Amino acid sequence: MKCPGQDTQYWNGDAIFDTKCPECGHPMEFFKDDATRRCANCKKKIVNPKMDFGCASYCKFAEQCLGTLPEEFVAKRDDLLKDRVAVEMKRYLGTDFKSIGHAAKVANFAEKIGKKEKANLAVVLCAAYLSDIGVKNAREKYDSEELEYIEKESPKVAGELMEKLGAKESLINEVIETIKHRNRPAQDDGINRKVLHDAGMLAHMAACKEKDSVDDKKFHAKLDRLFLTAAGNELARQVLIKIK
């Protein structure tokens, strides 16, 4: 069955409308299901200003349903997915509010650091929400919450959850690799892995009670050694020294 939103039998008088090119002001006519049209005057490809992409923001069949999606929309699809990943993470962990809260803190720090470091926020935030998602499997399989078991299980669970949400294979793979290397990123690793590392480190240190007993001078020096990005180091000083 064709998607009702794109089936012409459900259309009314608003299915065809006139607008102006945002680039040059030339009159343009759009059909409801036109993702884009090229302006006859300036030749720019213009996104349909009234098109409701709705489920196409996450549906893996969006391109078959709507044809070739506009570049502007494709660029936003991955970004929109992060919100659904957050919801799915909470649903998967159920009443494990401690793990959910930790994931939310990591994502919050990752977003702040990632924006300043110009990282790919879709990758970073999906990875942040799912970086410790394997904790449930670790308990069930190994009766343990040791980091080695969480690290072992998280990439697999993360991949399954993102596949369930219809994420692109390329995005799934990048998120999984970011999670795998977040605790030991190499010097030449990409910024996404370093941002996730710093966000996870900051979330862990913010929750650590032992920081209060560390000498201030040593504490400052420790921050310089631990954080891999300038934005991570800066945020750590703001958050940890304030708490300390």
C-alpha atoms as a PDB file:
ATOM      1  CA  MET A   1       0.000   0.000   0.000  1.00  0.00           C
ATOM      2  CA  LYS A   2       1.274   3.436  -0.899  1.00  0.00           C
ATOM      3  CA  CYS A   3       1.970   5.865   1.940  1.00  0.00           C
ATOM      4  CA  PRO A   4      -1.309   7.852   2.390  1.00  0.00           C
ATOM      5  CA  GLY A   5       0.562  11.123   2.629  1.00  0.00           C
ATOM      6  CA  GLN A   6       1.889  10.635  -0.897  1.00  0.00           C
ATOM      7  CA  ASP A   7      -1.176   8.945  -2.468  1.00  0.00           C
ATOM      8  CA  THR A   8      -2.997  11.351  -4.819  1.00  0.00           C
ATOM      9  CA  GLN A   9      -6.428   9.962  -3.937  1.00  0.00           C
ATOM     10  CA  TYR A  10      -6.095  11.641  -0.544  1.00  0.00           C
ATOM     11  CA  TRP A  11      -5.137  15.034  -1.983  1.00  0.00           C
ATOM     12  CA  ASN A  12      -7.324  18.157  -1.931  1.00  0.00           C
ATOM     13  CA  GLY A  13      -7.157  21.627  -3.490  1.00  0.00           C
ATOM     14  CA  ASP A  14      -3.929  22.417  -1.666  1.00  0.00           C
ATOM     15  CA  ALA A  15      -2.063  19.675  -3.530  1.00  0.00           C
ATOM     16  CA  ILE A  16      -0.699  22.253  -6.006  1.00  0.00           C
ATOM     17  CA  PHE A  17       0.448  25.628  -4.786  1.00  0.00           C
ATOM     18  CA  ASP A  18       2.437  28.675  -5.902  1.00  0.00           C
ATOM     19  CA  THR A  19       5.404  30.124  -4.076  1.00  0.00           C
ATOM     20  CA  LYS A  20       8.474  32.245  -4.790  1.00  0.00           C
ATOM     21  CA  CYS A  21      12.040  31.125  -5.177  1.00  0.00           C
ATOM     22  CA  PRO A  22      13.867  32.047  -1.946  1.00  0.00           C
ATOM     23  CA  GLU A  23      16.979  32.792  -3.992  1.00  0.00           C
ATOM     24  CA  CYS A  24      15.669  35.160  -6.664  1.00  0.00           C
ATOM     25  CA  GLY A  25      11.952  35.670  -5.971  1.00  0.00           C
ATOM     26  CA  HIS A  26      10.822  34.105  -9.266  1.00  0.00           C
ATOM     27  CA  PRO A  27       7.327  32.467  -9.152  1.00  0.00           C
ATOM     28  CA  MET A  28       7.371  28.683  -8.747  1.00  0.00           C
ATOM     29  CA  GLU A  29       4.702  25.984  -8.747  1.00  0.00           C
ATOM     30  CA  PHE A  30       4.978  22.930  -6.492  1.00  0.00           C
ATOM     31  CA  PHE A  31       3.011  19.714  -6.337  1.00  0.00           C
ATOM     32  CA  LYS A  32       2.482  18.396  -2.820  1.00  0.00           C
ATOM     33  CA  ASP A  33       4.774  15.422  -3.390  1.00  0.00           C
ATOM     34  CA  ASP A  34       7.615  17.387  -5.027  1.00  0.00           C
ATOM     35  CA  ALA A  35      10.617  17.046  -2.721  1.00  0.00           C
ATOM     36  CA  THR A  36      12.435  19.703  -4.771  1.00  0.00           C
ATOM     37  CA  ARG A  37      12.043  21.722  -7.956  1.00  0.00           C
ATOM     38  CA  ARG A  38      14.567  23.734  -9.898  1.00  0.00           C
ATOM     39  CA  CYS A  39      13.836  27.428 -10.320  1.00  0.00           C
ATOM     40  CA  ALA A  40      13.320  28.280 -13.990  1.00  0.00           C
ATOM     41  CA  ASN A  41      15.032  31.625 -13.470  1.00  0.00           C
ATOM     42  CA  CYS A  42      18.138  31.097 -11.300  1.00  0.00           C
ATOM     43  CA  LYS A  43      18.327  27.299 -11.777  1.00  0.00           C
ATOM     44  CA  LYS A  44      18.731  26.679  -8.030  1.00  0.00           C
ATOM     45  CA  LYS A  45      17.240  23.464  -6.644  1.00  0.00           C
ATOM     46  CA  ILE A  46      14.618  24.515  -4.076  1.00  0.00           C
ATOM     47  CA  VAL A  47      13.204  22.327  -1.294  1.00  0.00           C
ATOM     48  CA  ASN A  48       9.397  22.165  -1.175  1.00  0.00           C
ATOM     49  CA  PRO A  49       8.547  24.651   1.621  1.00  0.00           C
ATOM     50  CA  LYS A  50       5.267  22.912   2.496  1.00  0.00           C
ATOM     51  CA  MET A  51       6.255  19.293   2.239  1.00  0.00           C
ATOM     52  CA  ASP A  52       5.758  17.311   5.431  1.00  0.00           C
ATOM     53  CA  PHE A  53       8.433  14.648   5.392  1.00  0.00           C
ATOM     54  CA  GLY A  54       7.022  13.132   8.591  1.00  0.00           C
ATOM     55  CA  CYS A  55       8.145   9.536   8.877  1.00  0.00           C
ATOM     56  CA  ALA A  56      10.677  10.077   6.088  1.00  0.00           C
ATOM     57  CA  SER A  57      12.938  11.666   8.689  1.00  0.00           C
ATOM     58  CA  TYR A  58      13.720   8.186   9.976  1.00  0.00           C
ATOM     59  CA  CYS A  59      12.110   5.592   7.669  1.00  0.00           C
ATOM     60  CA  LYS A  60      14.656   3.440   5.828  1.00  0.00           C
ATOM     61  CA  PHE A  61      12.309   3.271   2.818  1.00  0.00           C
ATOM     62  CA  ALA A  62      12.043   7.062   2.523  1.00  0.00           C
ATOM     63  CA  GLU A  63      14.020   7.297  -0.693  1.00  0.00           C
ATOM     64  CA  GLN A  64      11.881   4.647  -2.425  1.00  0.00           C
ATOM     65  CA  CYS A  65       8.739   6.392  -1.196  1.00  0.00           C
ATOM     66  CA  LEU A  66       9.694   9.964  -2.043  1.00  0.00           C
ATOM     67  CA  GLY A  67      12.245   9.525  -4.757  1.00  0.00           C
ATOM     68  CA  THR A  68      15.615  11.235  -4.395  1.00  0.00           C
ATOM     69  CA  LEU A  69      15.491  13.221  -1.187  1.00  0.00           C
ATOM     70  CA  PRO A  70      16.914  16.756  -1.197  1.00  0.00           C
ATOM     71  CA  GLU A  71      20.463  17.116   0.082  1.00  0.00           C
ATOM     72  CA  GLU A  72      19.322  19.494   2.806  1.00  0.00           C
ATOM     73  CA  PHE A  73      16.919  16.886   4.149  1.00  0.00           C
ATOM     74  CA  VAL A  74      19.328  13.976   3.890  1.00  0.00           C
ATOM     75  CA  ALA A  75      21.801  15.982   5.979  1.00  0.00           C
ATOM     76  CA  LYS A  76      19.172  16.317   8.719  1.00  0.00           C
ATOM     77  CA  ARG A  77      18.025  12.693   8.769  1.00  0.00           C
ATOM     78  CA  ASP A  78      20.957  11.425  10.808  1.00  0.00           C
ATOM     79  CA  ASP A  79      20.608  14.316  13.221  1.00  0.00           C
ATOM     80  CA  LEU A  80      16.912  13.561  13.765  1.00  0.00           C
ATOM     81  CA  LEU A  81      17.727   9.929  14.506  1.00  0.00           C
ATOM     82  CA  LYS A  82      19.565  10.762  17.727  1.00  0.00           C
ATOM     83  CA  ASP A  83      16.302  11.656  19.483  1.00  0.00           C
ATOM     84  CA  ARG A  84      14.794   8.288  18.607  1.00  0.00           C
ATOM     85  CA  VAL A  85      17.987   6.572  19.773  1.00  0.00           C
ATOM     86  CA  ALA A  86      17.599   8.294  23.157  1.00  0.00           C
ATOM     87  CA  VAL A  87      14.023   7.040  23.454  1.00  0.00           C
ATOM     88  CA  GLU A  88      14.983   3.510  22.405  1.00  0.00           C
ATOM     89  CA  MET A  89      17.855   3.488  24.913  1.00  0.00           C
ATOM     90  CA  LYS A  90      15.451   4.353  27.745  1.00  0.00           C
ATOM     91  CA  ARG A  91      12.976   1.724  26.591  1.00  0.00           C
ATOM     92  CA  TYR A  92      15.694  -0.932  26.417  1.00  0.00           C
ATOM     93  CA  LEU A  93      17.106  -0.186  29.880  1.00  0.00           C
ATOM     94  CA  GLY A  94      13.644  -0.011  31.437  1.00  0.00           C
ATOM     95  CA  THR A  95      13.866   0.797  35.148  1.00  0.00           C
ATOM     96  CA  ASP A  96      17.662   0.978  35.234  1.00  0.00           C
ATOM     97  CA  PHE A  97      17.545   4.698  35.993  1.00  0.00           C
ATOM     98  CA  LYS A  98      21.187   4.813  37.034  1.00  0.00           C
ATOM     99  CA  SER A  99      22.368   3.699  33.578  1.00  0.00           C
ATOM    100  CA  ILE A 100      19.823   5.921  31.836  1.00  0.00           C
ATOM    101  CA  GLY A 101      20.964   8.923  33.856  1.00  0.00           C
ATOM    102  CA  HIS A 102      24.608   8.191  33.078  1.00  0.00           C
ATOM    103  CA  ALA A 103      23.894   7.924  29.338  1.00  0.00           C
ATOM    104  CA  ALA A 104      22.017  11.241  29.440  1.00  0.00           C
ATOM    105  CA  LYS A 105      24.976  12.931  31.163  1.00  0.00           C
ATOM    106  CA  VAL A 106      27.431  11.549  28.623  1.00  0.00           C
ATOM    107  CA  ALA A 107      25.202  12.770  25.776  1.00  0.00           C
ATOM    108  CA  ASN A 108      24.845  16.216  27.370  1.00  0.00           C
ATOM    109  CA  PHE A 109      28.597  16.617  27.700  1.00  0.00           C
ATOM    110  CA  ALA A 110      29.174  15.135  24.229  1.00  0.00           C
ATOM    111  CA  GLU A 111      26.842  17.679  22.652  1.00  0.00           C
ATOM    112  CA  LYS A 112      28.573  20.626  24.345  1.00  0.00           C
ATOM    113  CA  ILE A 113      32.054  19.390  23.459  1.00  0.00           C
ATOM    114  CA  GLY A 114      31.066  18.216  19.977  1.00  0.00           C
ATOM    115  CA  LYS A 115      29.585  21.558  18.974  1.00  0.00           C
ATOM    116  CA  LYS A 116      32.796  23.415  19.846  1.00  0.00           C
ATOM    117  CA  GLU A 117      35.010  20.793  18.212  1.00  0.00           C
ATOM    118  CA  LYS A 118      32.761  20.691  15.094  1.00  0.00           C
ATOM    119  CA  ALA A 119      32.275  16.945  15.414  1.00  0.00           C
ATOM    120  CA  ASN A 120      29.535  14.982  13.661  1.00  0.00           C
ATOM    121  CA  LEU A 121      26.830  15.348  16.304  1.00  0.00           C
ATOM    122  CA  ALA A 122      24.664  12.600  14.824  1.00  0.00           C
ATOM    123  CA  VAL A 123      27.486  10.088  15.314  1.00  0.00           C
ATOM    124  CA  VAL A 124      28.663  11.493  18.642  1.00  0.00           C
ATOM    125  CA  LEU A 125      25.230  11.679  20.270  1.00  0.00           C
ATOM    126  CA  CYS A 126      24.052   8.278  19.060  1.00  0.00           C
ATOM    127  CA  ALA A 127      27.309   6.821  20.344  1.00  0.00           C
ATOM    128  CA  ALA A 128      26.960   8.692  23.646  1.00  0.00           C
ATOM    129  CA  TYR A 129      23.478   7.349  24.296  1.00  0.00           C
ATOM    130  CA  LEU A 130      24.558   3.813  23.386  1.00  0.00           C
ATOM    131  CA  SER A 131      28.147   3.700  24.656  1.00  0.00           C
ATOM    132  CA  ASP A 132      27.237   1.683  27.772  1.00  0.00           C
ATOM    133  CA  ILE A 133      24.045   0.080  26.476  1.00  0.00           C
ATOM    134  CA  GLY A 134      25.660  -3.341  26.954  1.00  0.00           C
ATOM    135  CA  VAL A 135      25.341  -3.088  30.744  1.00  0.00           C
ATOM    136  CA  LYS A 136      22.078  -5.055  30.653  1.00  0.00           C
ATOM    137  CA  ASN A 137      23.678  -7.904  28.692  1.00  0.00           C
ATOM    138  CA  ALA A 138      26.719  -7.816  30.981  1.00  0.00           C
ATOM    139  CA  ARG A 139      24.502  -8.436  34.001  1.00  0.00           C
ATOM    140  CA  GLU A 140      22.521 -11.195  32.305  1.00  0.00           C
ATOM    141  CA  LYS A 141      25.463 -13.007  30.674  1.00  0.00           C
ATOM    142  CA  TYR A 142      28.272 -12.487  33.186  1.00  0.00           C
ATOM    143  CA  ASP A 143      26.448 -11.350  36.343  1.00  0.00           C
ATOM    144  CA  SER A 144      28.779  -8.371  36.304  1.00  0.00           C
ATOM    145  CA  GLU A 145      28.928  -4.643  35.574  1.00  0.00           C
ATOM    146  CA  GLU A 146      32.678  -4.676  34.979  1.00  0.00           C
ATOM    147  CA  LEU A 147      33.762  -2.304  32.210  1.00  0.00           C
ATOM    148  CA  GLU A 148      35.326  -5.075  30.110  1.00  0.00           C
ATOM    149  CA  TYR A 149      31.967  -6.842  29.797  1.00  0.00           C
ATOM    150  CA  ILE A 150      30.041  -3.647  29.099  1.00  0.00           C
ATOM    151  CA  GLU A 151      32.567  -2.746  26.383  1.00  0.00           C
ATOM    152  CA  LYS A 152      32.257  -6.227  24.919  1.00  0.00           C
ATOM    153  CA  GLU A 153      28.454  -6.139  24.697  1.00  0.00           C
ATOM    154  CA  SER A 154      27.727  -2.472  23.877  1.00  0.00           C
ATOM    155  CA  PRO A 155      28.718  -2.391  20.164  1.00  0.00           C
ATOM    156  CA  LYS A 156      26.519  -5.392  19.345  1.00  0.00           C
ATOM    157  CA  VAL A 157      23.470  -4.053  21.193  1.00  0.00           C
ATOM    158  CA  ALA A 158      23.993  -0.560  19.767  1.00  0.00           C
ATOM    159  CA  GLY A 159      24.077  -1.934  16.225  1.00  0.00           C
ATOM    160  CA  GLU A 160      20.893  -3.932  16.745  1.00  0.00           C
ATOM    161  CA  LEU A 161      18.993  -0.967  18.182  1.00  0.00           C
ATOM    162  CA  MET A 162      20.056   1.377  15.383  1.00  0.00           C
ATOM    163  CA  GLU A 163      19.196  -1.201  12.729  1.00  0.00           C
ATOM    164  CA  LYS A 164      15.760  -1.550  14.318  1.00  0.00           C
ATOM    165  CA  LEU A 165      15.300   2.216  13.964  1.00  0.00           C
ATOM    166  CA  GLY A 166      16.158   2.074  10.248  1.00  0.00           C
ATOM    167  CA  ALA A 167      19.508   3.874  10.479  1.00  0.00           C
ATOM    168  CA  LYS A 168      21.801   3.778   7.453  1.00  0.00           C
ATOM    169  CA  GLU A 169      24.451   1.073   7.508  1.00  0.00           C
ATOM    170  CA  SER A 170      27.238   3.649   7.170  1.00  0.00           C
ATOM    171  CA  LEU A 171      25.989   5.538  10.235  1.00  0.00           C
ATOM    172  CA  ILE A 172      25.568   2.329  12.245  1.00  0.00           C
ATOM    173  CA  ASN A 173      29.125   1.269  11.441  1.00  0.00           C
ATOM    174  CA  GLU A 174      30.570   4.661  12.362  1.00  0.00           C
ATOM    175  CA  VAL A 175      28.701   4.731  15.667  1.00  0.00           C
ATOM    176  CA  ILE A 176      29.851   1.206  16.503  1.00  0.00           C
ATOM    177  CA  GLU A 177      33.488   2.021  15.727  1.00  0.00           C
ATOM    178  CA  THR A 178      33.245   5.204  17.808  1.00  0.00           C
ATOM    179  CA  ILE A 179      31.923   3.207  20.764  1.00  0.00           C
ATOM    180  CA  LYS A 180      34.612   0.541  20.377  1.00  0.00           C
ATOM    181  CA  HIS A 181      37.452   3.063  20.503  1.00  0.00           C
ATOM    182  CA  ARG A 182      36.056   5.678  22.871  1.00  0.00           C
ATOM    183  CA  ASN A 183      38.143   4.568  25.889  1.00  0.00           C
ATOM    184  CA  ARG A 184      41.444   4.272  24.040  1.00  0.00           C
ATOM    185  CA  PRO A 185      41.354   6.593  21.007  1.00  0.00           C
ATOM    186  CA  ALA A 186      44.669   6.873  19.174  1.00  0.00           C
ATOM    187  CA  GLN A 187      46.300  10.231  18.634  1.00  0.00           C
ATOM    188  CA  ASP A 188      45.373  10.208  14.955  1.00  0.00           C
ATOM    189  CA  ASP A 189      41.779   9.025  15.543  1.00  0.00           C
ATOM    190  CA  GLY A 190      38.952  11.234  14.346  1.00  0.00           C
ATOM    191  CA  ILE A 191      37.369  13.950  16.459  1.00  0.00           C
ATOM    192  CA  ASN A 192      34.177  11.943  17.055  1.00  0.00           C
ATOM    193  CA  ARG A 193      36.004   9.317  19.101  1.00  0.00           C
ATOM    194  CA  LYS A 194      37.910  11.926  21.083  1.00  0.00           C
ATOM    195  CA  VAL A 195      34.732  13.843  21.878  1.00  0.00           C
ATOM    196  CA  LEU A 196      33.005  10.682  23.121  1.00  0.00           C
ATOM    197  CA  HIS A 197      36.075   9.796  25.181  1.00  0.00           C
ATOM    198  CA  ASP A 198      36.083  13.203  26.858  1.00  0.00           C
ATOM    199  CA  ALA A 199      32.330  13.171  27.472  1.00  0.00           C
ATOM    200  CA  GLY A 200      32.510   9.723  29.084  1.00  0.00           C
ATOM    201  CA  MET A 201      35.527  10.714  31.149  1.00  0.00           C
ATOM    202  CA  LEU A 202      33.815  13.871  32.349  1.00  0.00           C
ATOM    203  CA  ALA A 203      30.624  12.020  33.310  1.00  0.00           C
ATOM    204  CA  HIS A 204      32.683   9.487  35.258  1.00  0.00           C
ATOM    205  CA  MET A 205      34.768  12.110  37.068  1.00  0.00           C
ATOM    206  CA  ALA A 206      31.731  14.240  37.922  1.00  0.00           C
ATOM    207  CA  ALA A 207      30.246  11.248  39.726  1.00  0.00           C
ATOM    208  CA  CYS A 208      33.506  10.273  41.472  1.00  0.00           C
ATOM    209  CA  LYS A 209      33.566  11.215  45.163  1.00  0.00           C
ATOM    210  CA  GLU A 210      37.339  10.765  45.470  1.00  0.00           C
ATOM    211  CA  LYS A 211      38.012  13.966  43.527  1.00  0.00           C
ATOM    212  CA  ASP A 212      37.362  16.006  46.667  1.00  0.00           C
ATOM    213  CA  SER A 213      40.462  14.575  48.339  1.00  0.00           C
ATOM    214  CA  VAL A 214      42.827  15.386  45.456  1.00  0.00           C
ATOM    215  CA  ASP A 215      45.146  18.378  45.813  1.00  0.00           C
ATOM    216  CA  ASP A 216      44.023  21.298  43.599  1.00  0.00           C
ATOM    217  CA  LYS A 217      47.344  21.569  41.763  1.00  0.00           C
ATOM    218  CA  LYS A 218      47.443  17.858  41.042  1.00  0.00           C
ATOM    219  CA  PHE A 219      43.793  17.930  40.044  1.00  0.00           C
ATOM    220  CA  HIS A 220      44.408  20.635  37.418  1.00  0.00           C
ATOM    221  CA  ALA A 221      47.412  18.748  36.038  1.00  0.00           C
ATOM    222  CA  LYS A 222      45.349  15.567  35.858  1.00  0.00           C
ATOM    223  CA  LEU A 223      42.751  17.266  33.694  1.00  0.00           C
ATOM    224  CA  ASP A 224      45.414  18.271  31.166  1.00  0.00           C
ATOM    225  CA  ARG A 225      46.540  14.657  30.861  1.00  0.00           C
ATOM    226  CA  LEU A 226      43.128  13.026  30.673  1.00  0.00           C
ATOM    227  CA  PHE A 227      41.164  15.080  28.173  1.00  0.00           C
ATOM    228  CA  LEU A 228      41.933  14.867  24.467  1.00  0.00           C
ATOM    229  CA  THR A 229      40.120  17.953  23.177  1.00  0.00           C
ATOM    230  CA  ALA A 230      40.431  21.619  24.079  1.00  0.00           C
ATOM    231  CA  ALA A 231      36.656  21.887  24.511  1.00  0.00           C
ATOM    232  CA  GLY A 232      36.633  18.816  26.749  1.00  0.00           C
ATOM    233  CA  ASN A 233      39.384  20.224  28.927  1.00  0.00           C
ATOM    234  CA  GLU A 234      37.607  23.566  29.191  1.00  0.00           C
ATOM    235  CA  LEU A 235      34.247  22.001  30.096  1.00  0.00           C
ATOM    236  CA  ALA A 236      35.920  19.700  32.624  1.00  0.00           C
ATOM    237  CA  ARG A 237      37.378  22.695  34.447  1.00  0.00           C
ATOM    238  CA  GLN A 238      33.990  24.410  34.495  1.00  0.00           C
ATOM    239  CA  VAL A 239      32.111  21.348  35.721  1.00  0.00           C
ATOM    240  CA  LEU A 240      34.583  19.555  37.984  1.00  0.00           C
ATOM    241  CA  ILE A 241      36.217  22.489  39.724  1.00  0.00           C
ATOM    242  CA  LYS A 242      32.801  23.971  40.412  1.00  0.00           C
ATOM    243  CA  ILE A 243      31.670  20.658  41.927  1.00  0.00           C
ATOM    244  CA  LYS A 244      34.934  20.191  43.759  1.00  0.00           C
END
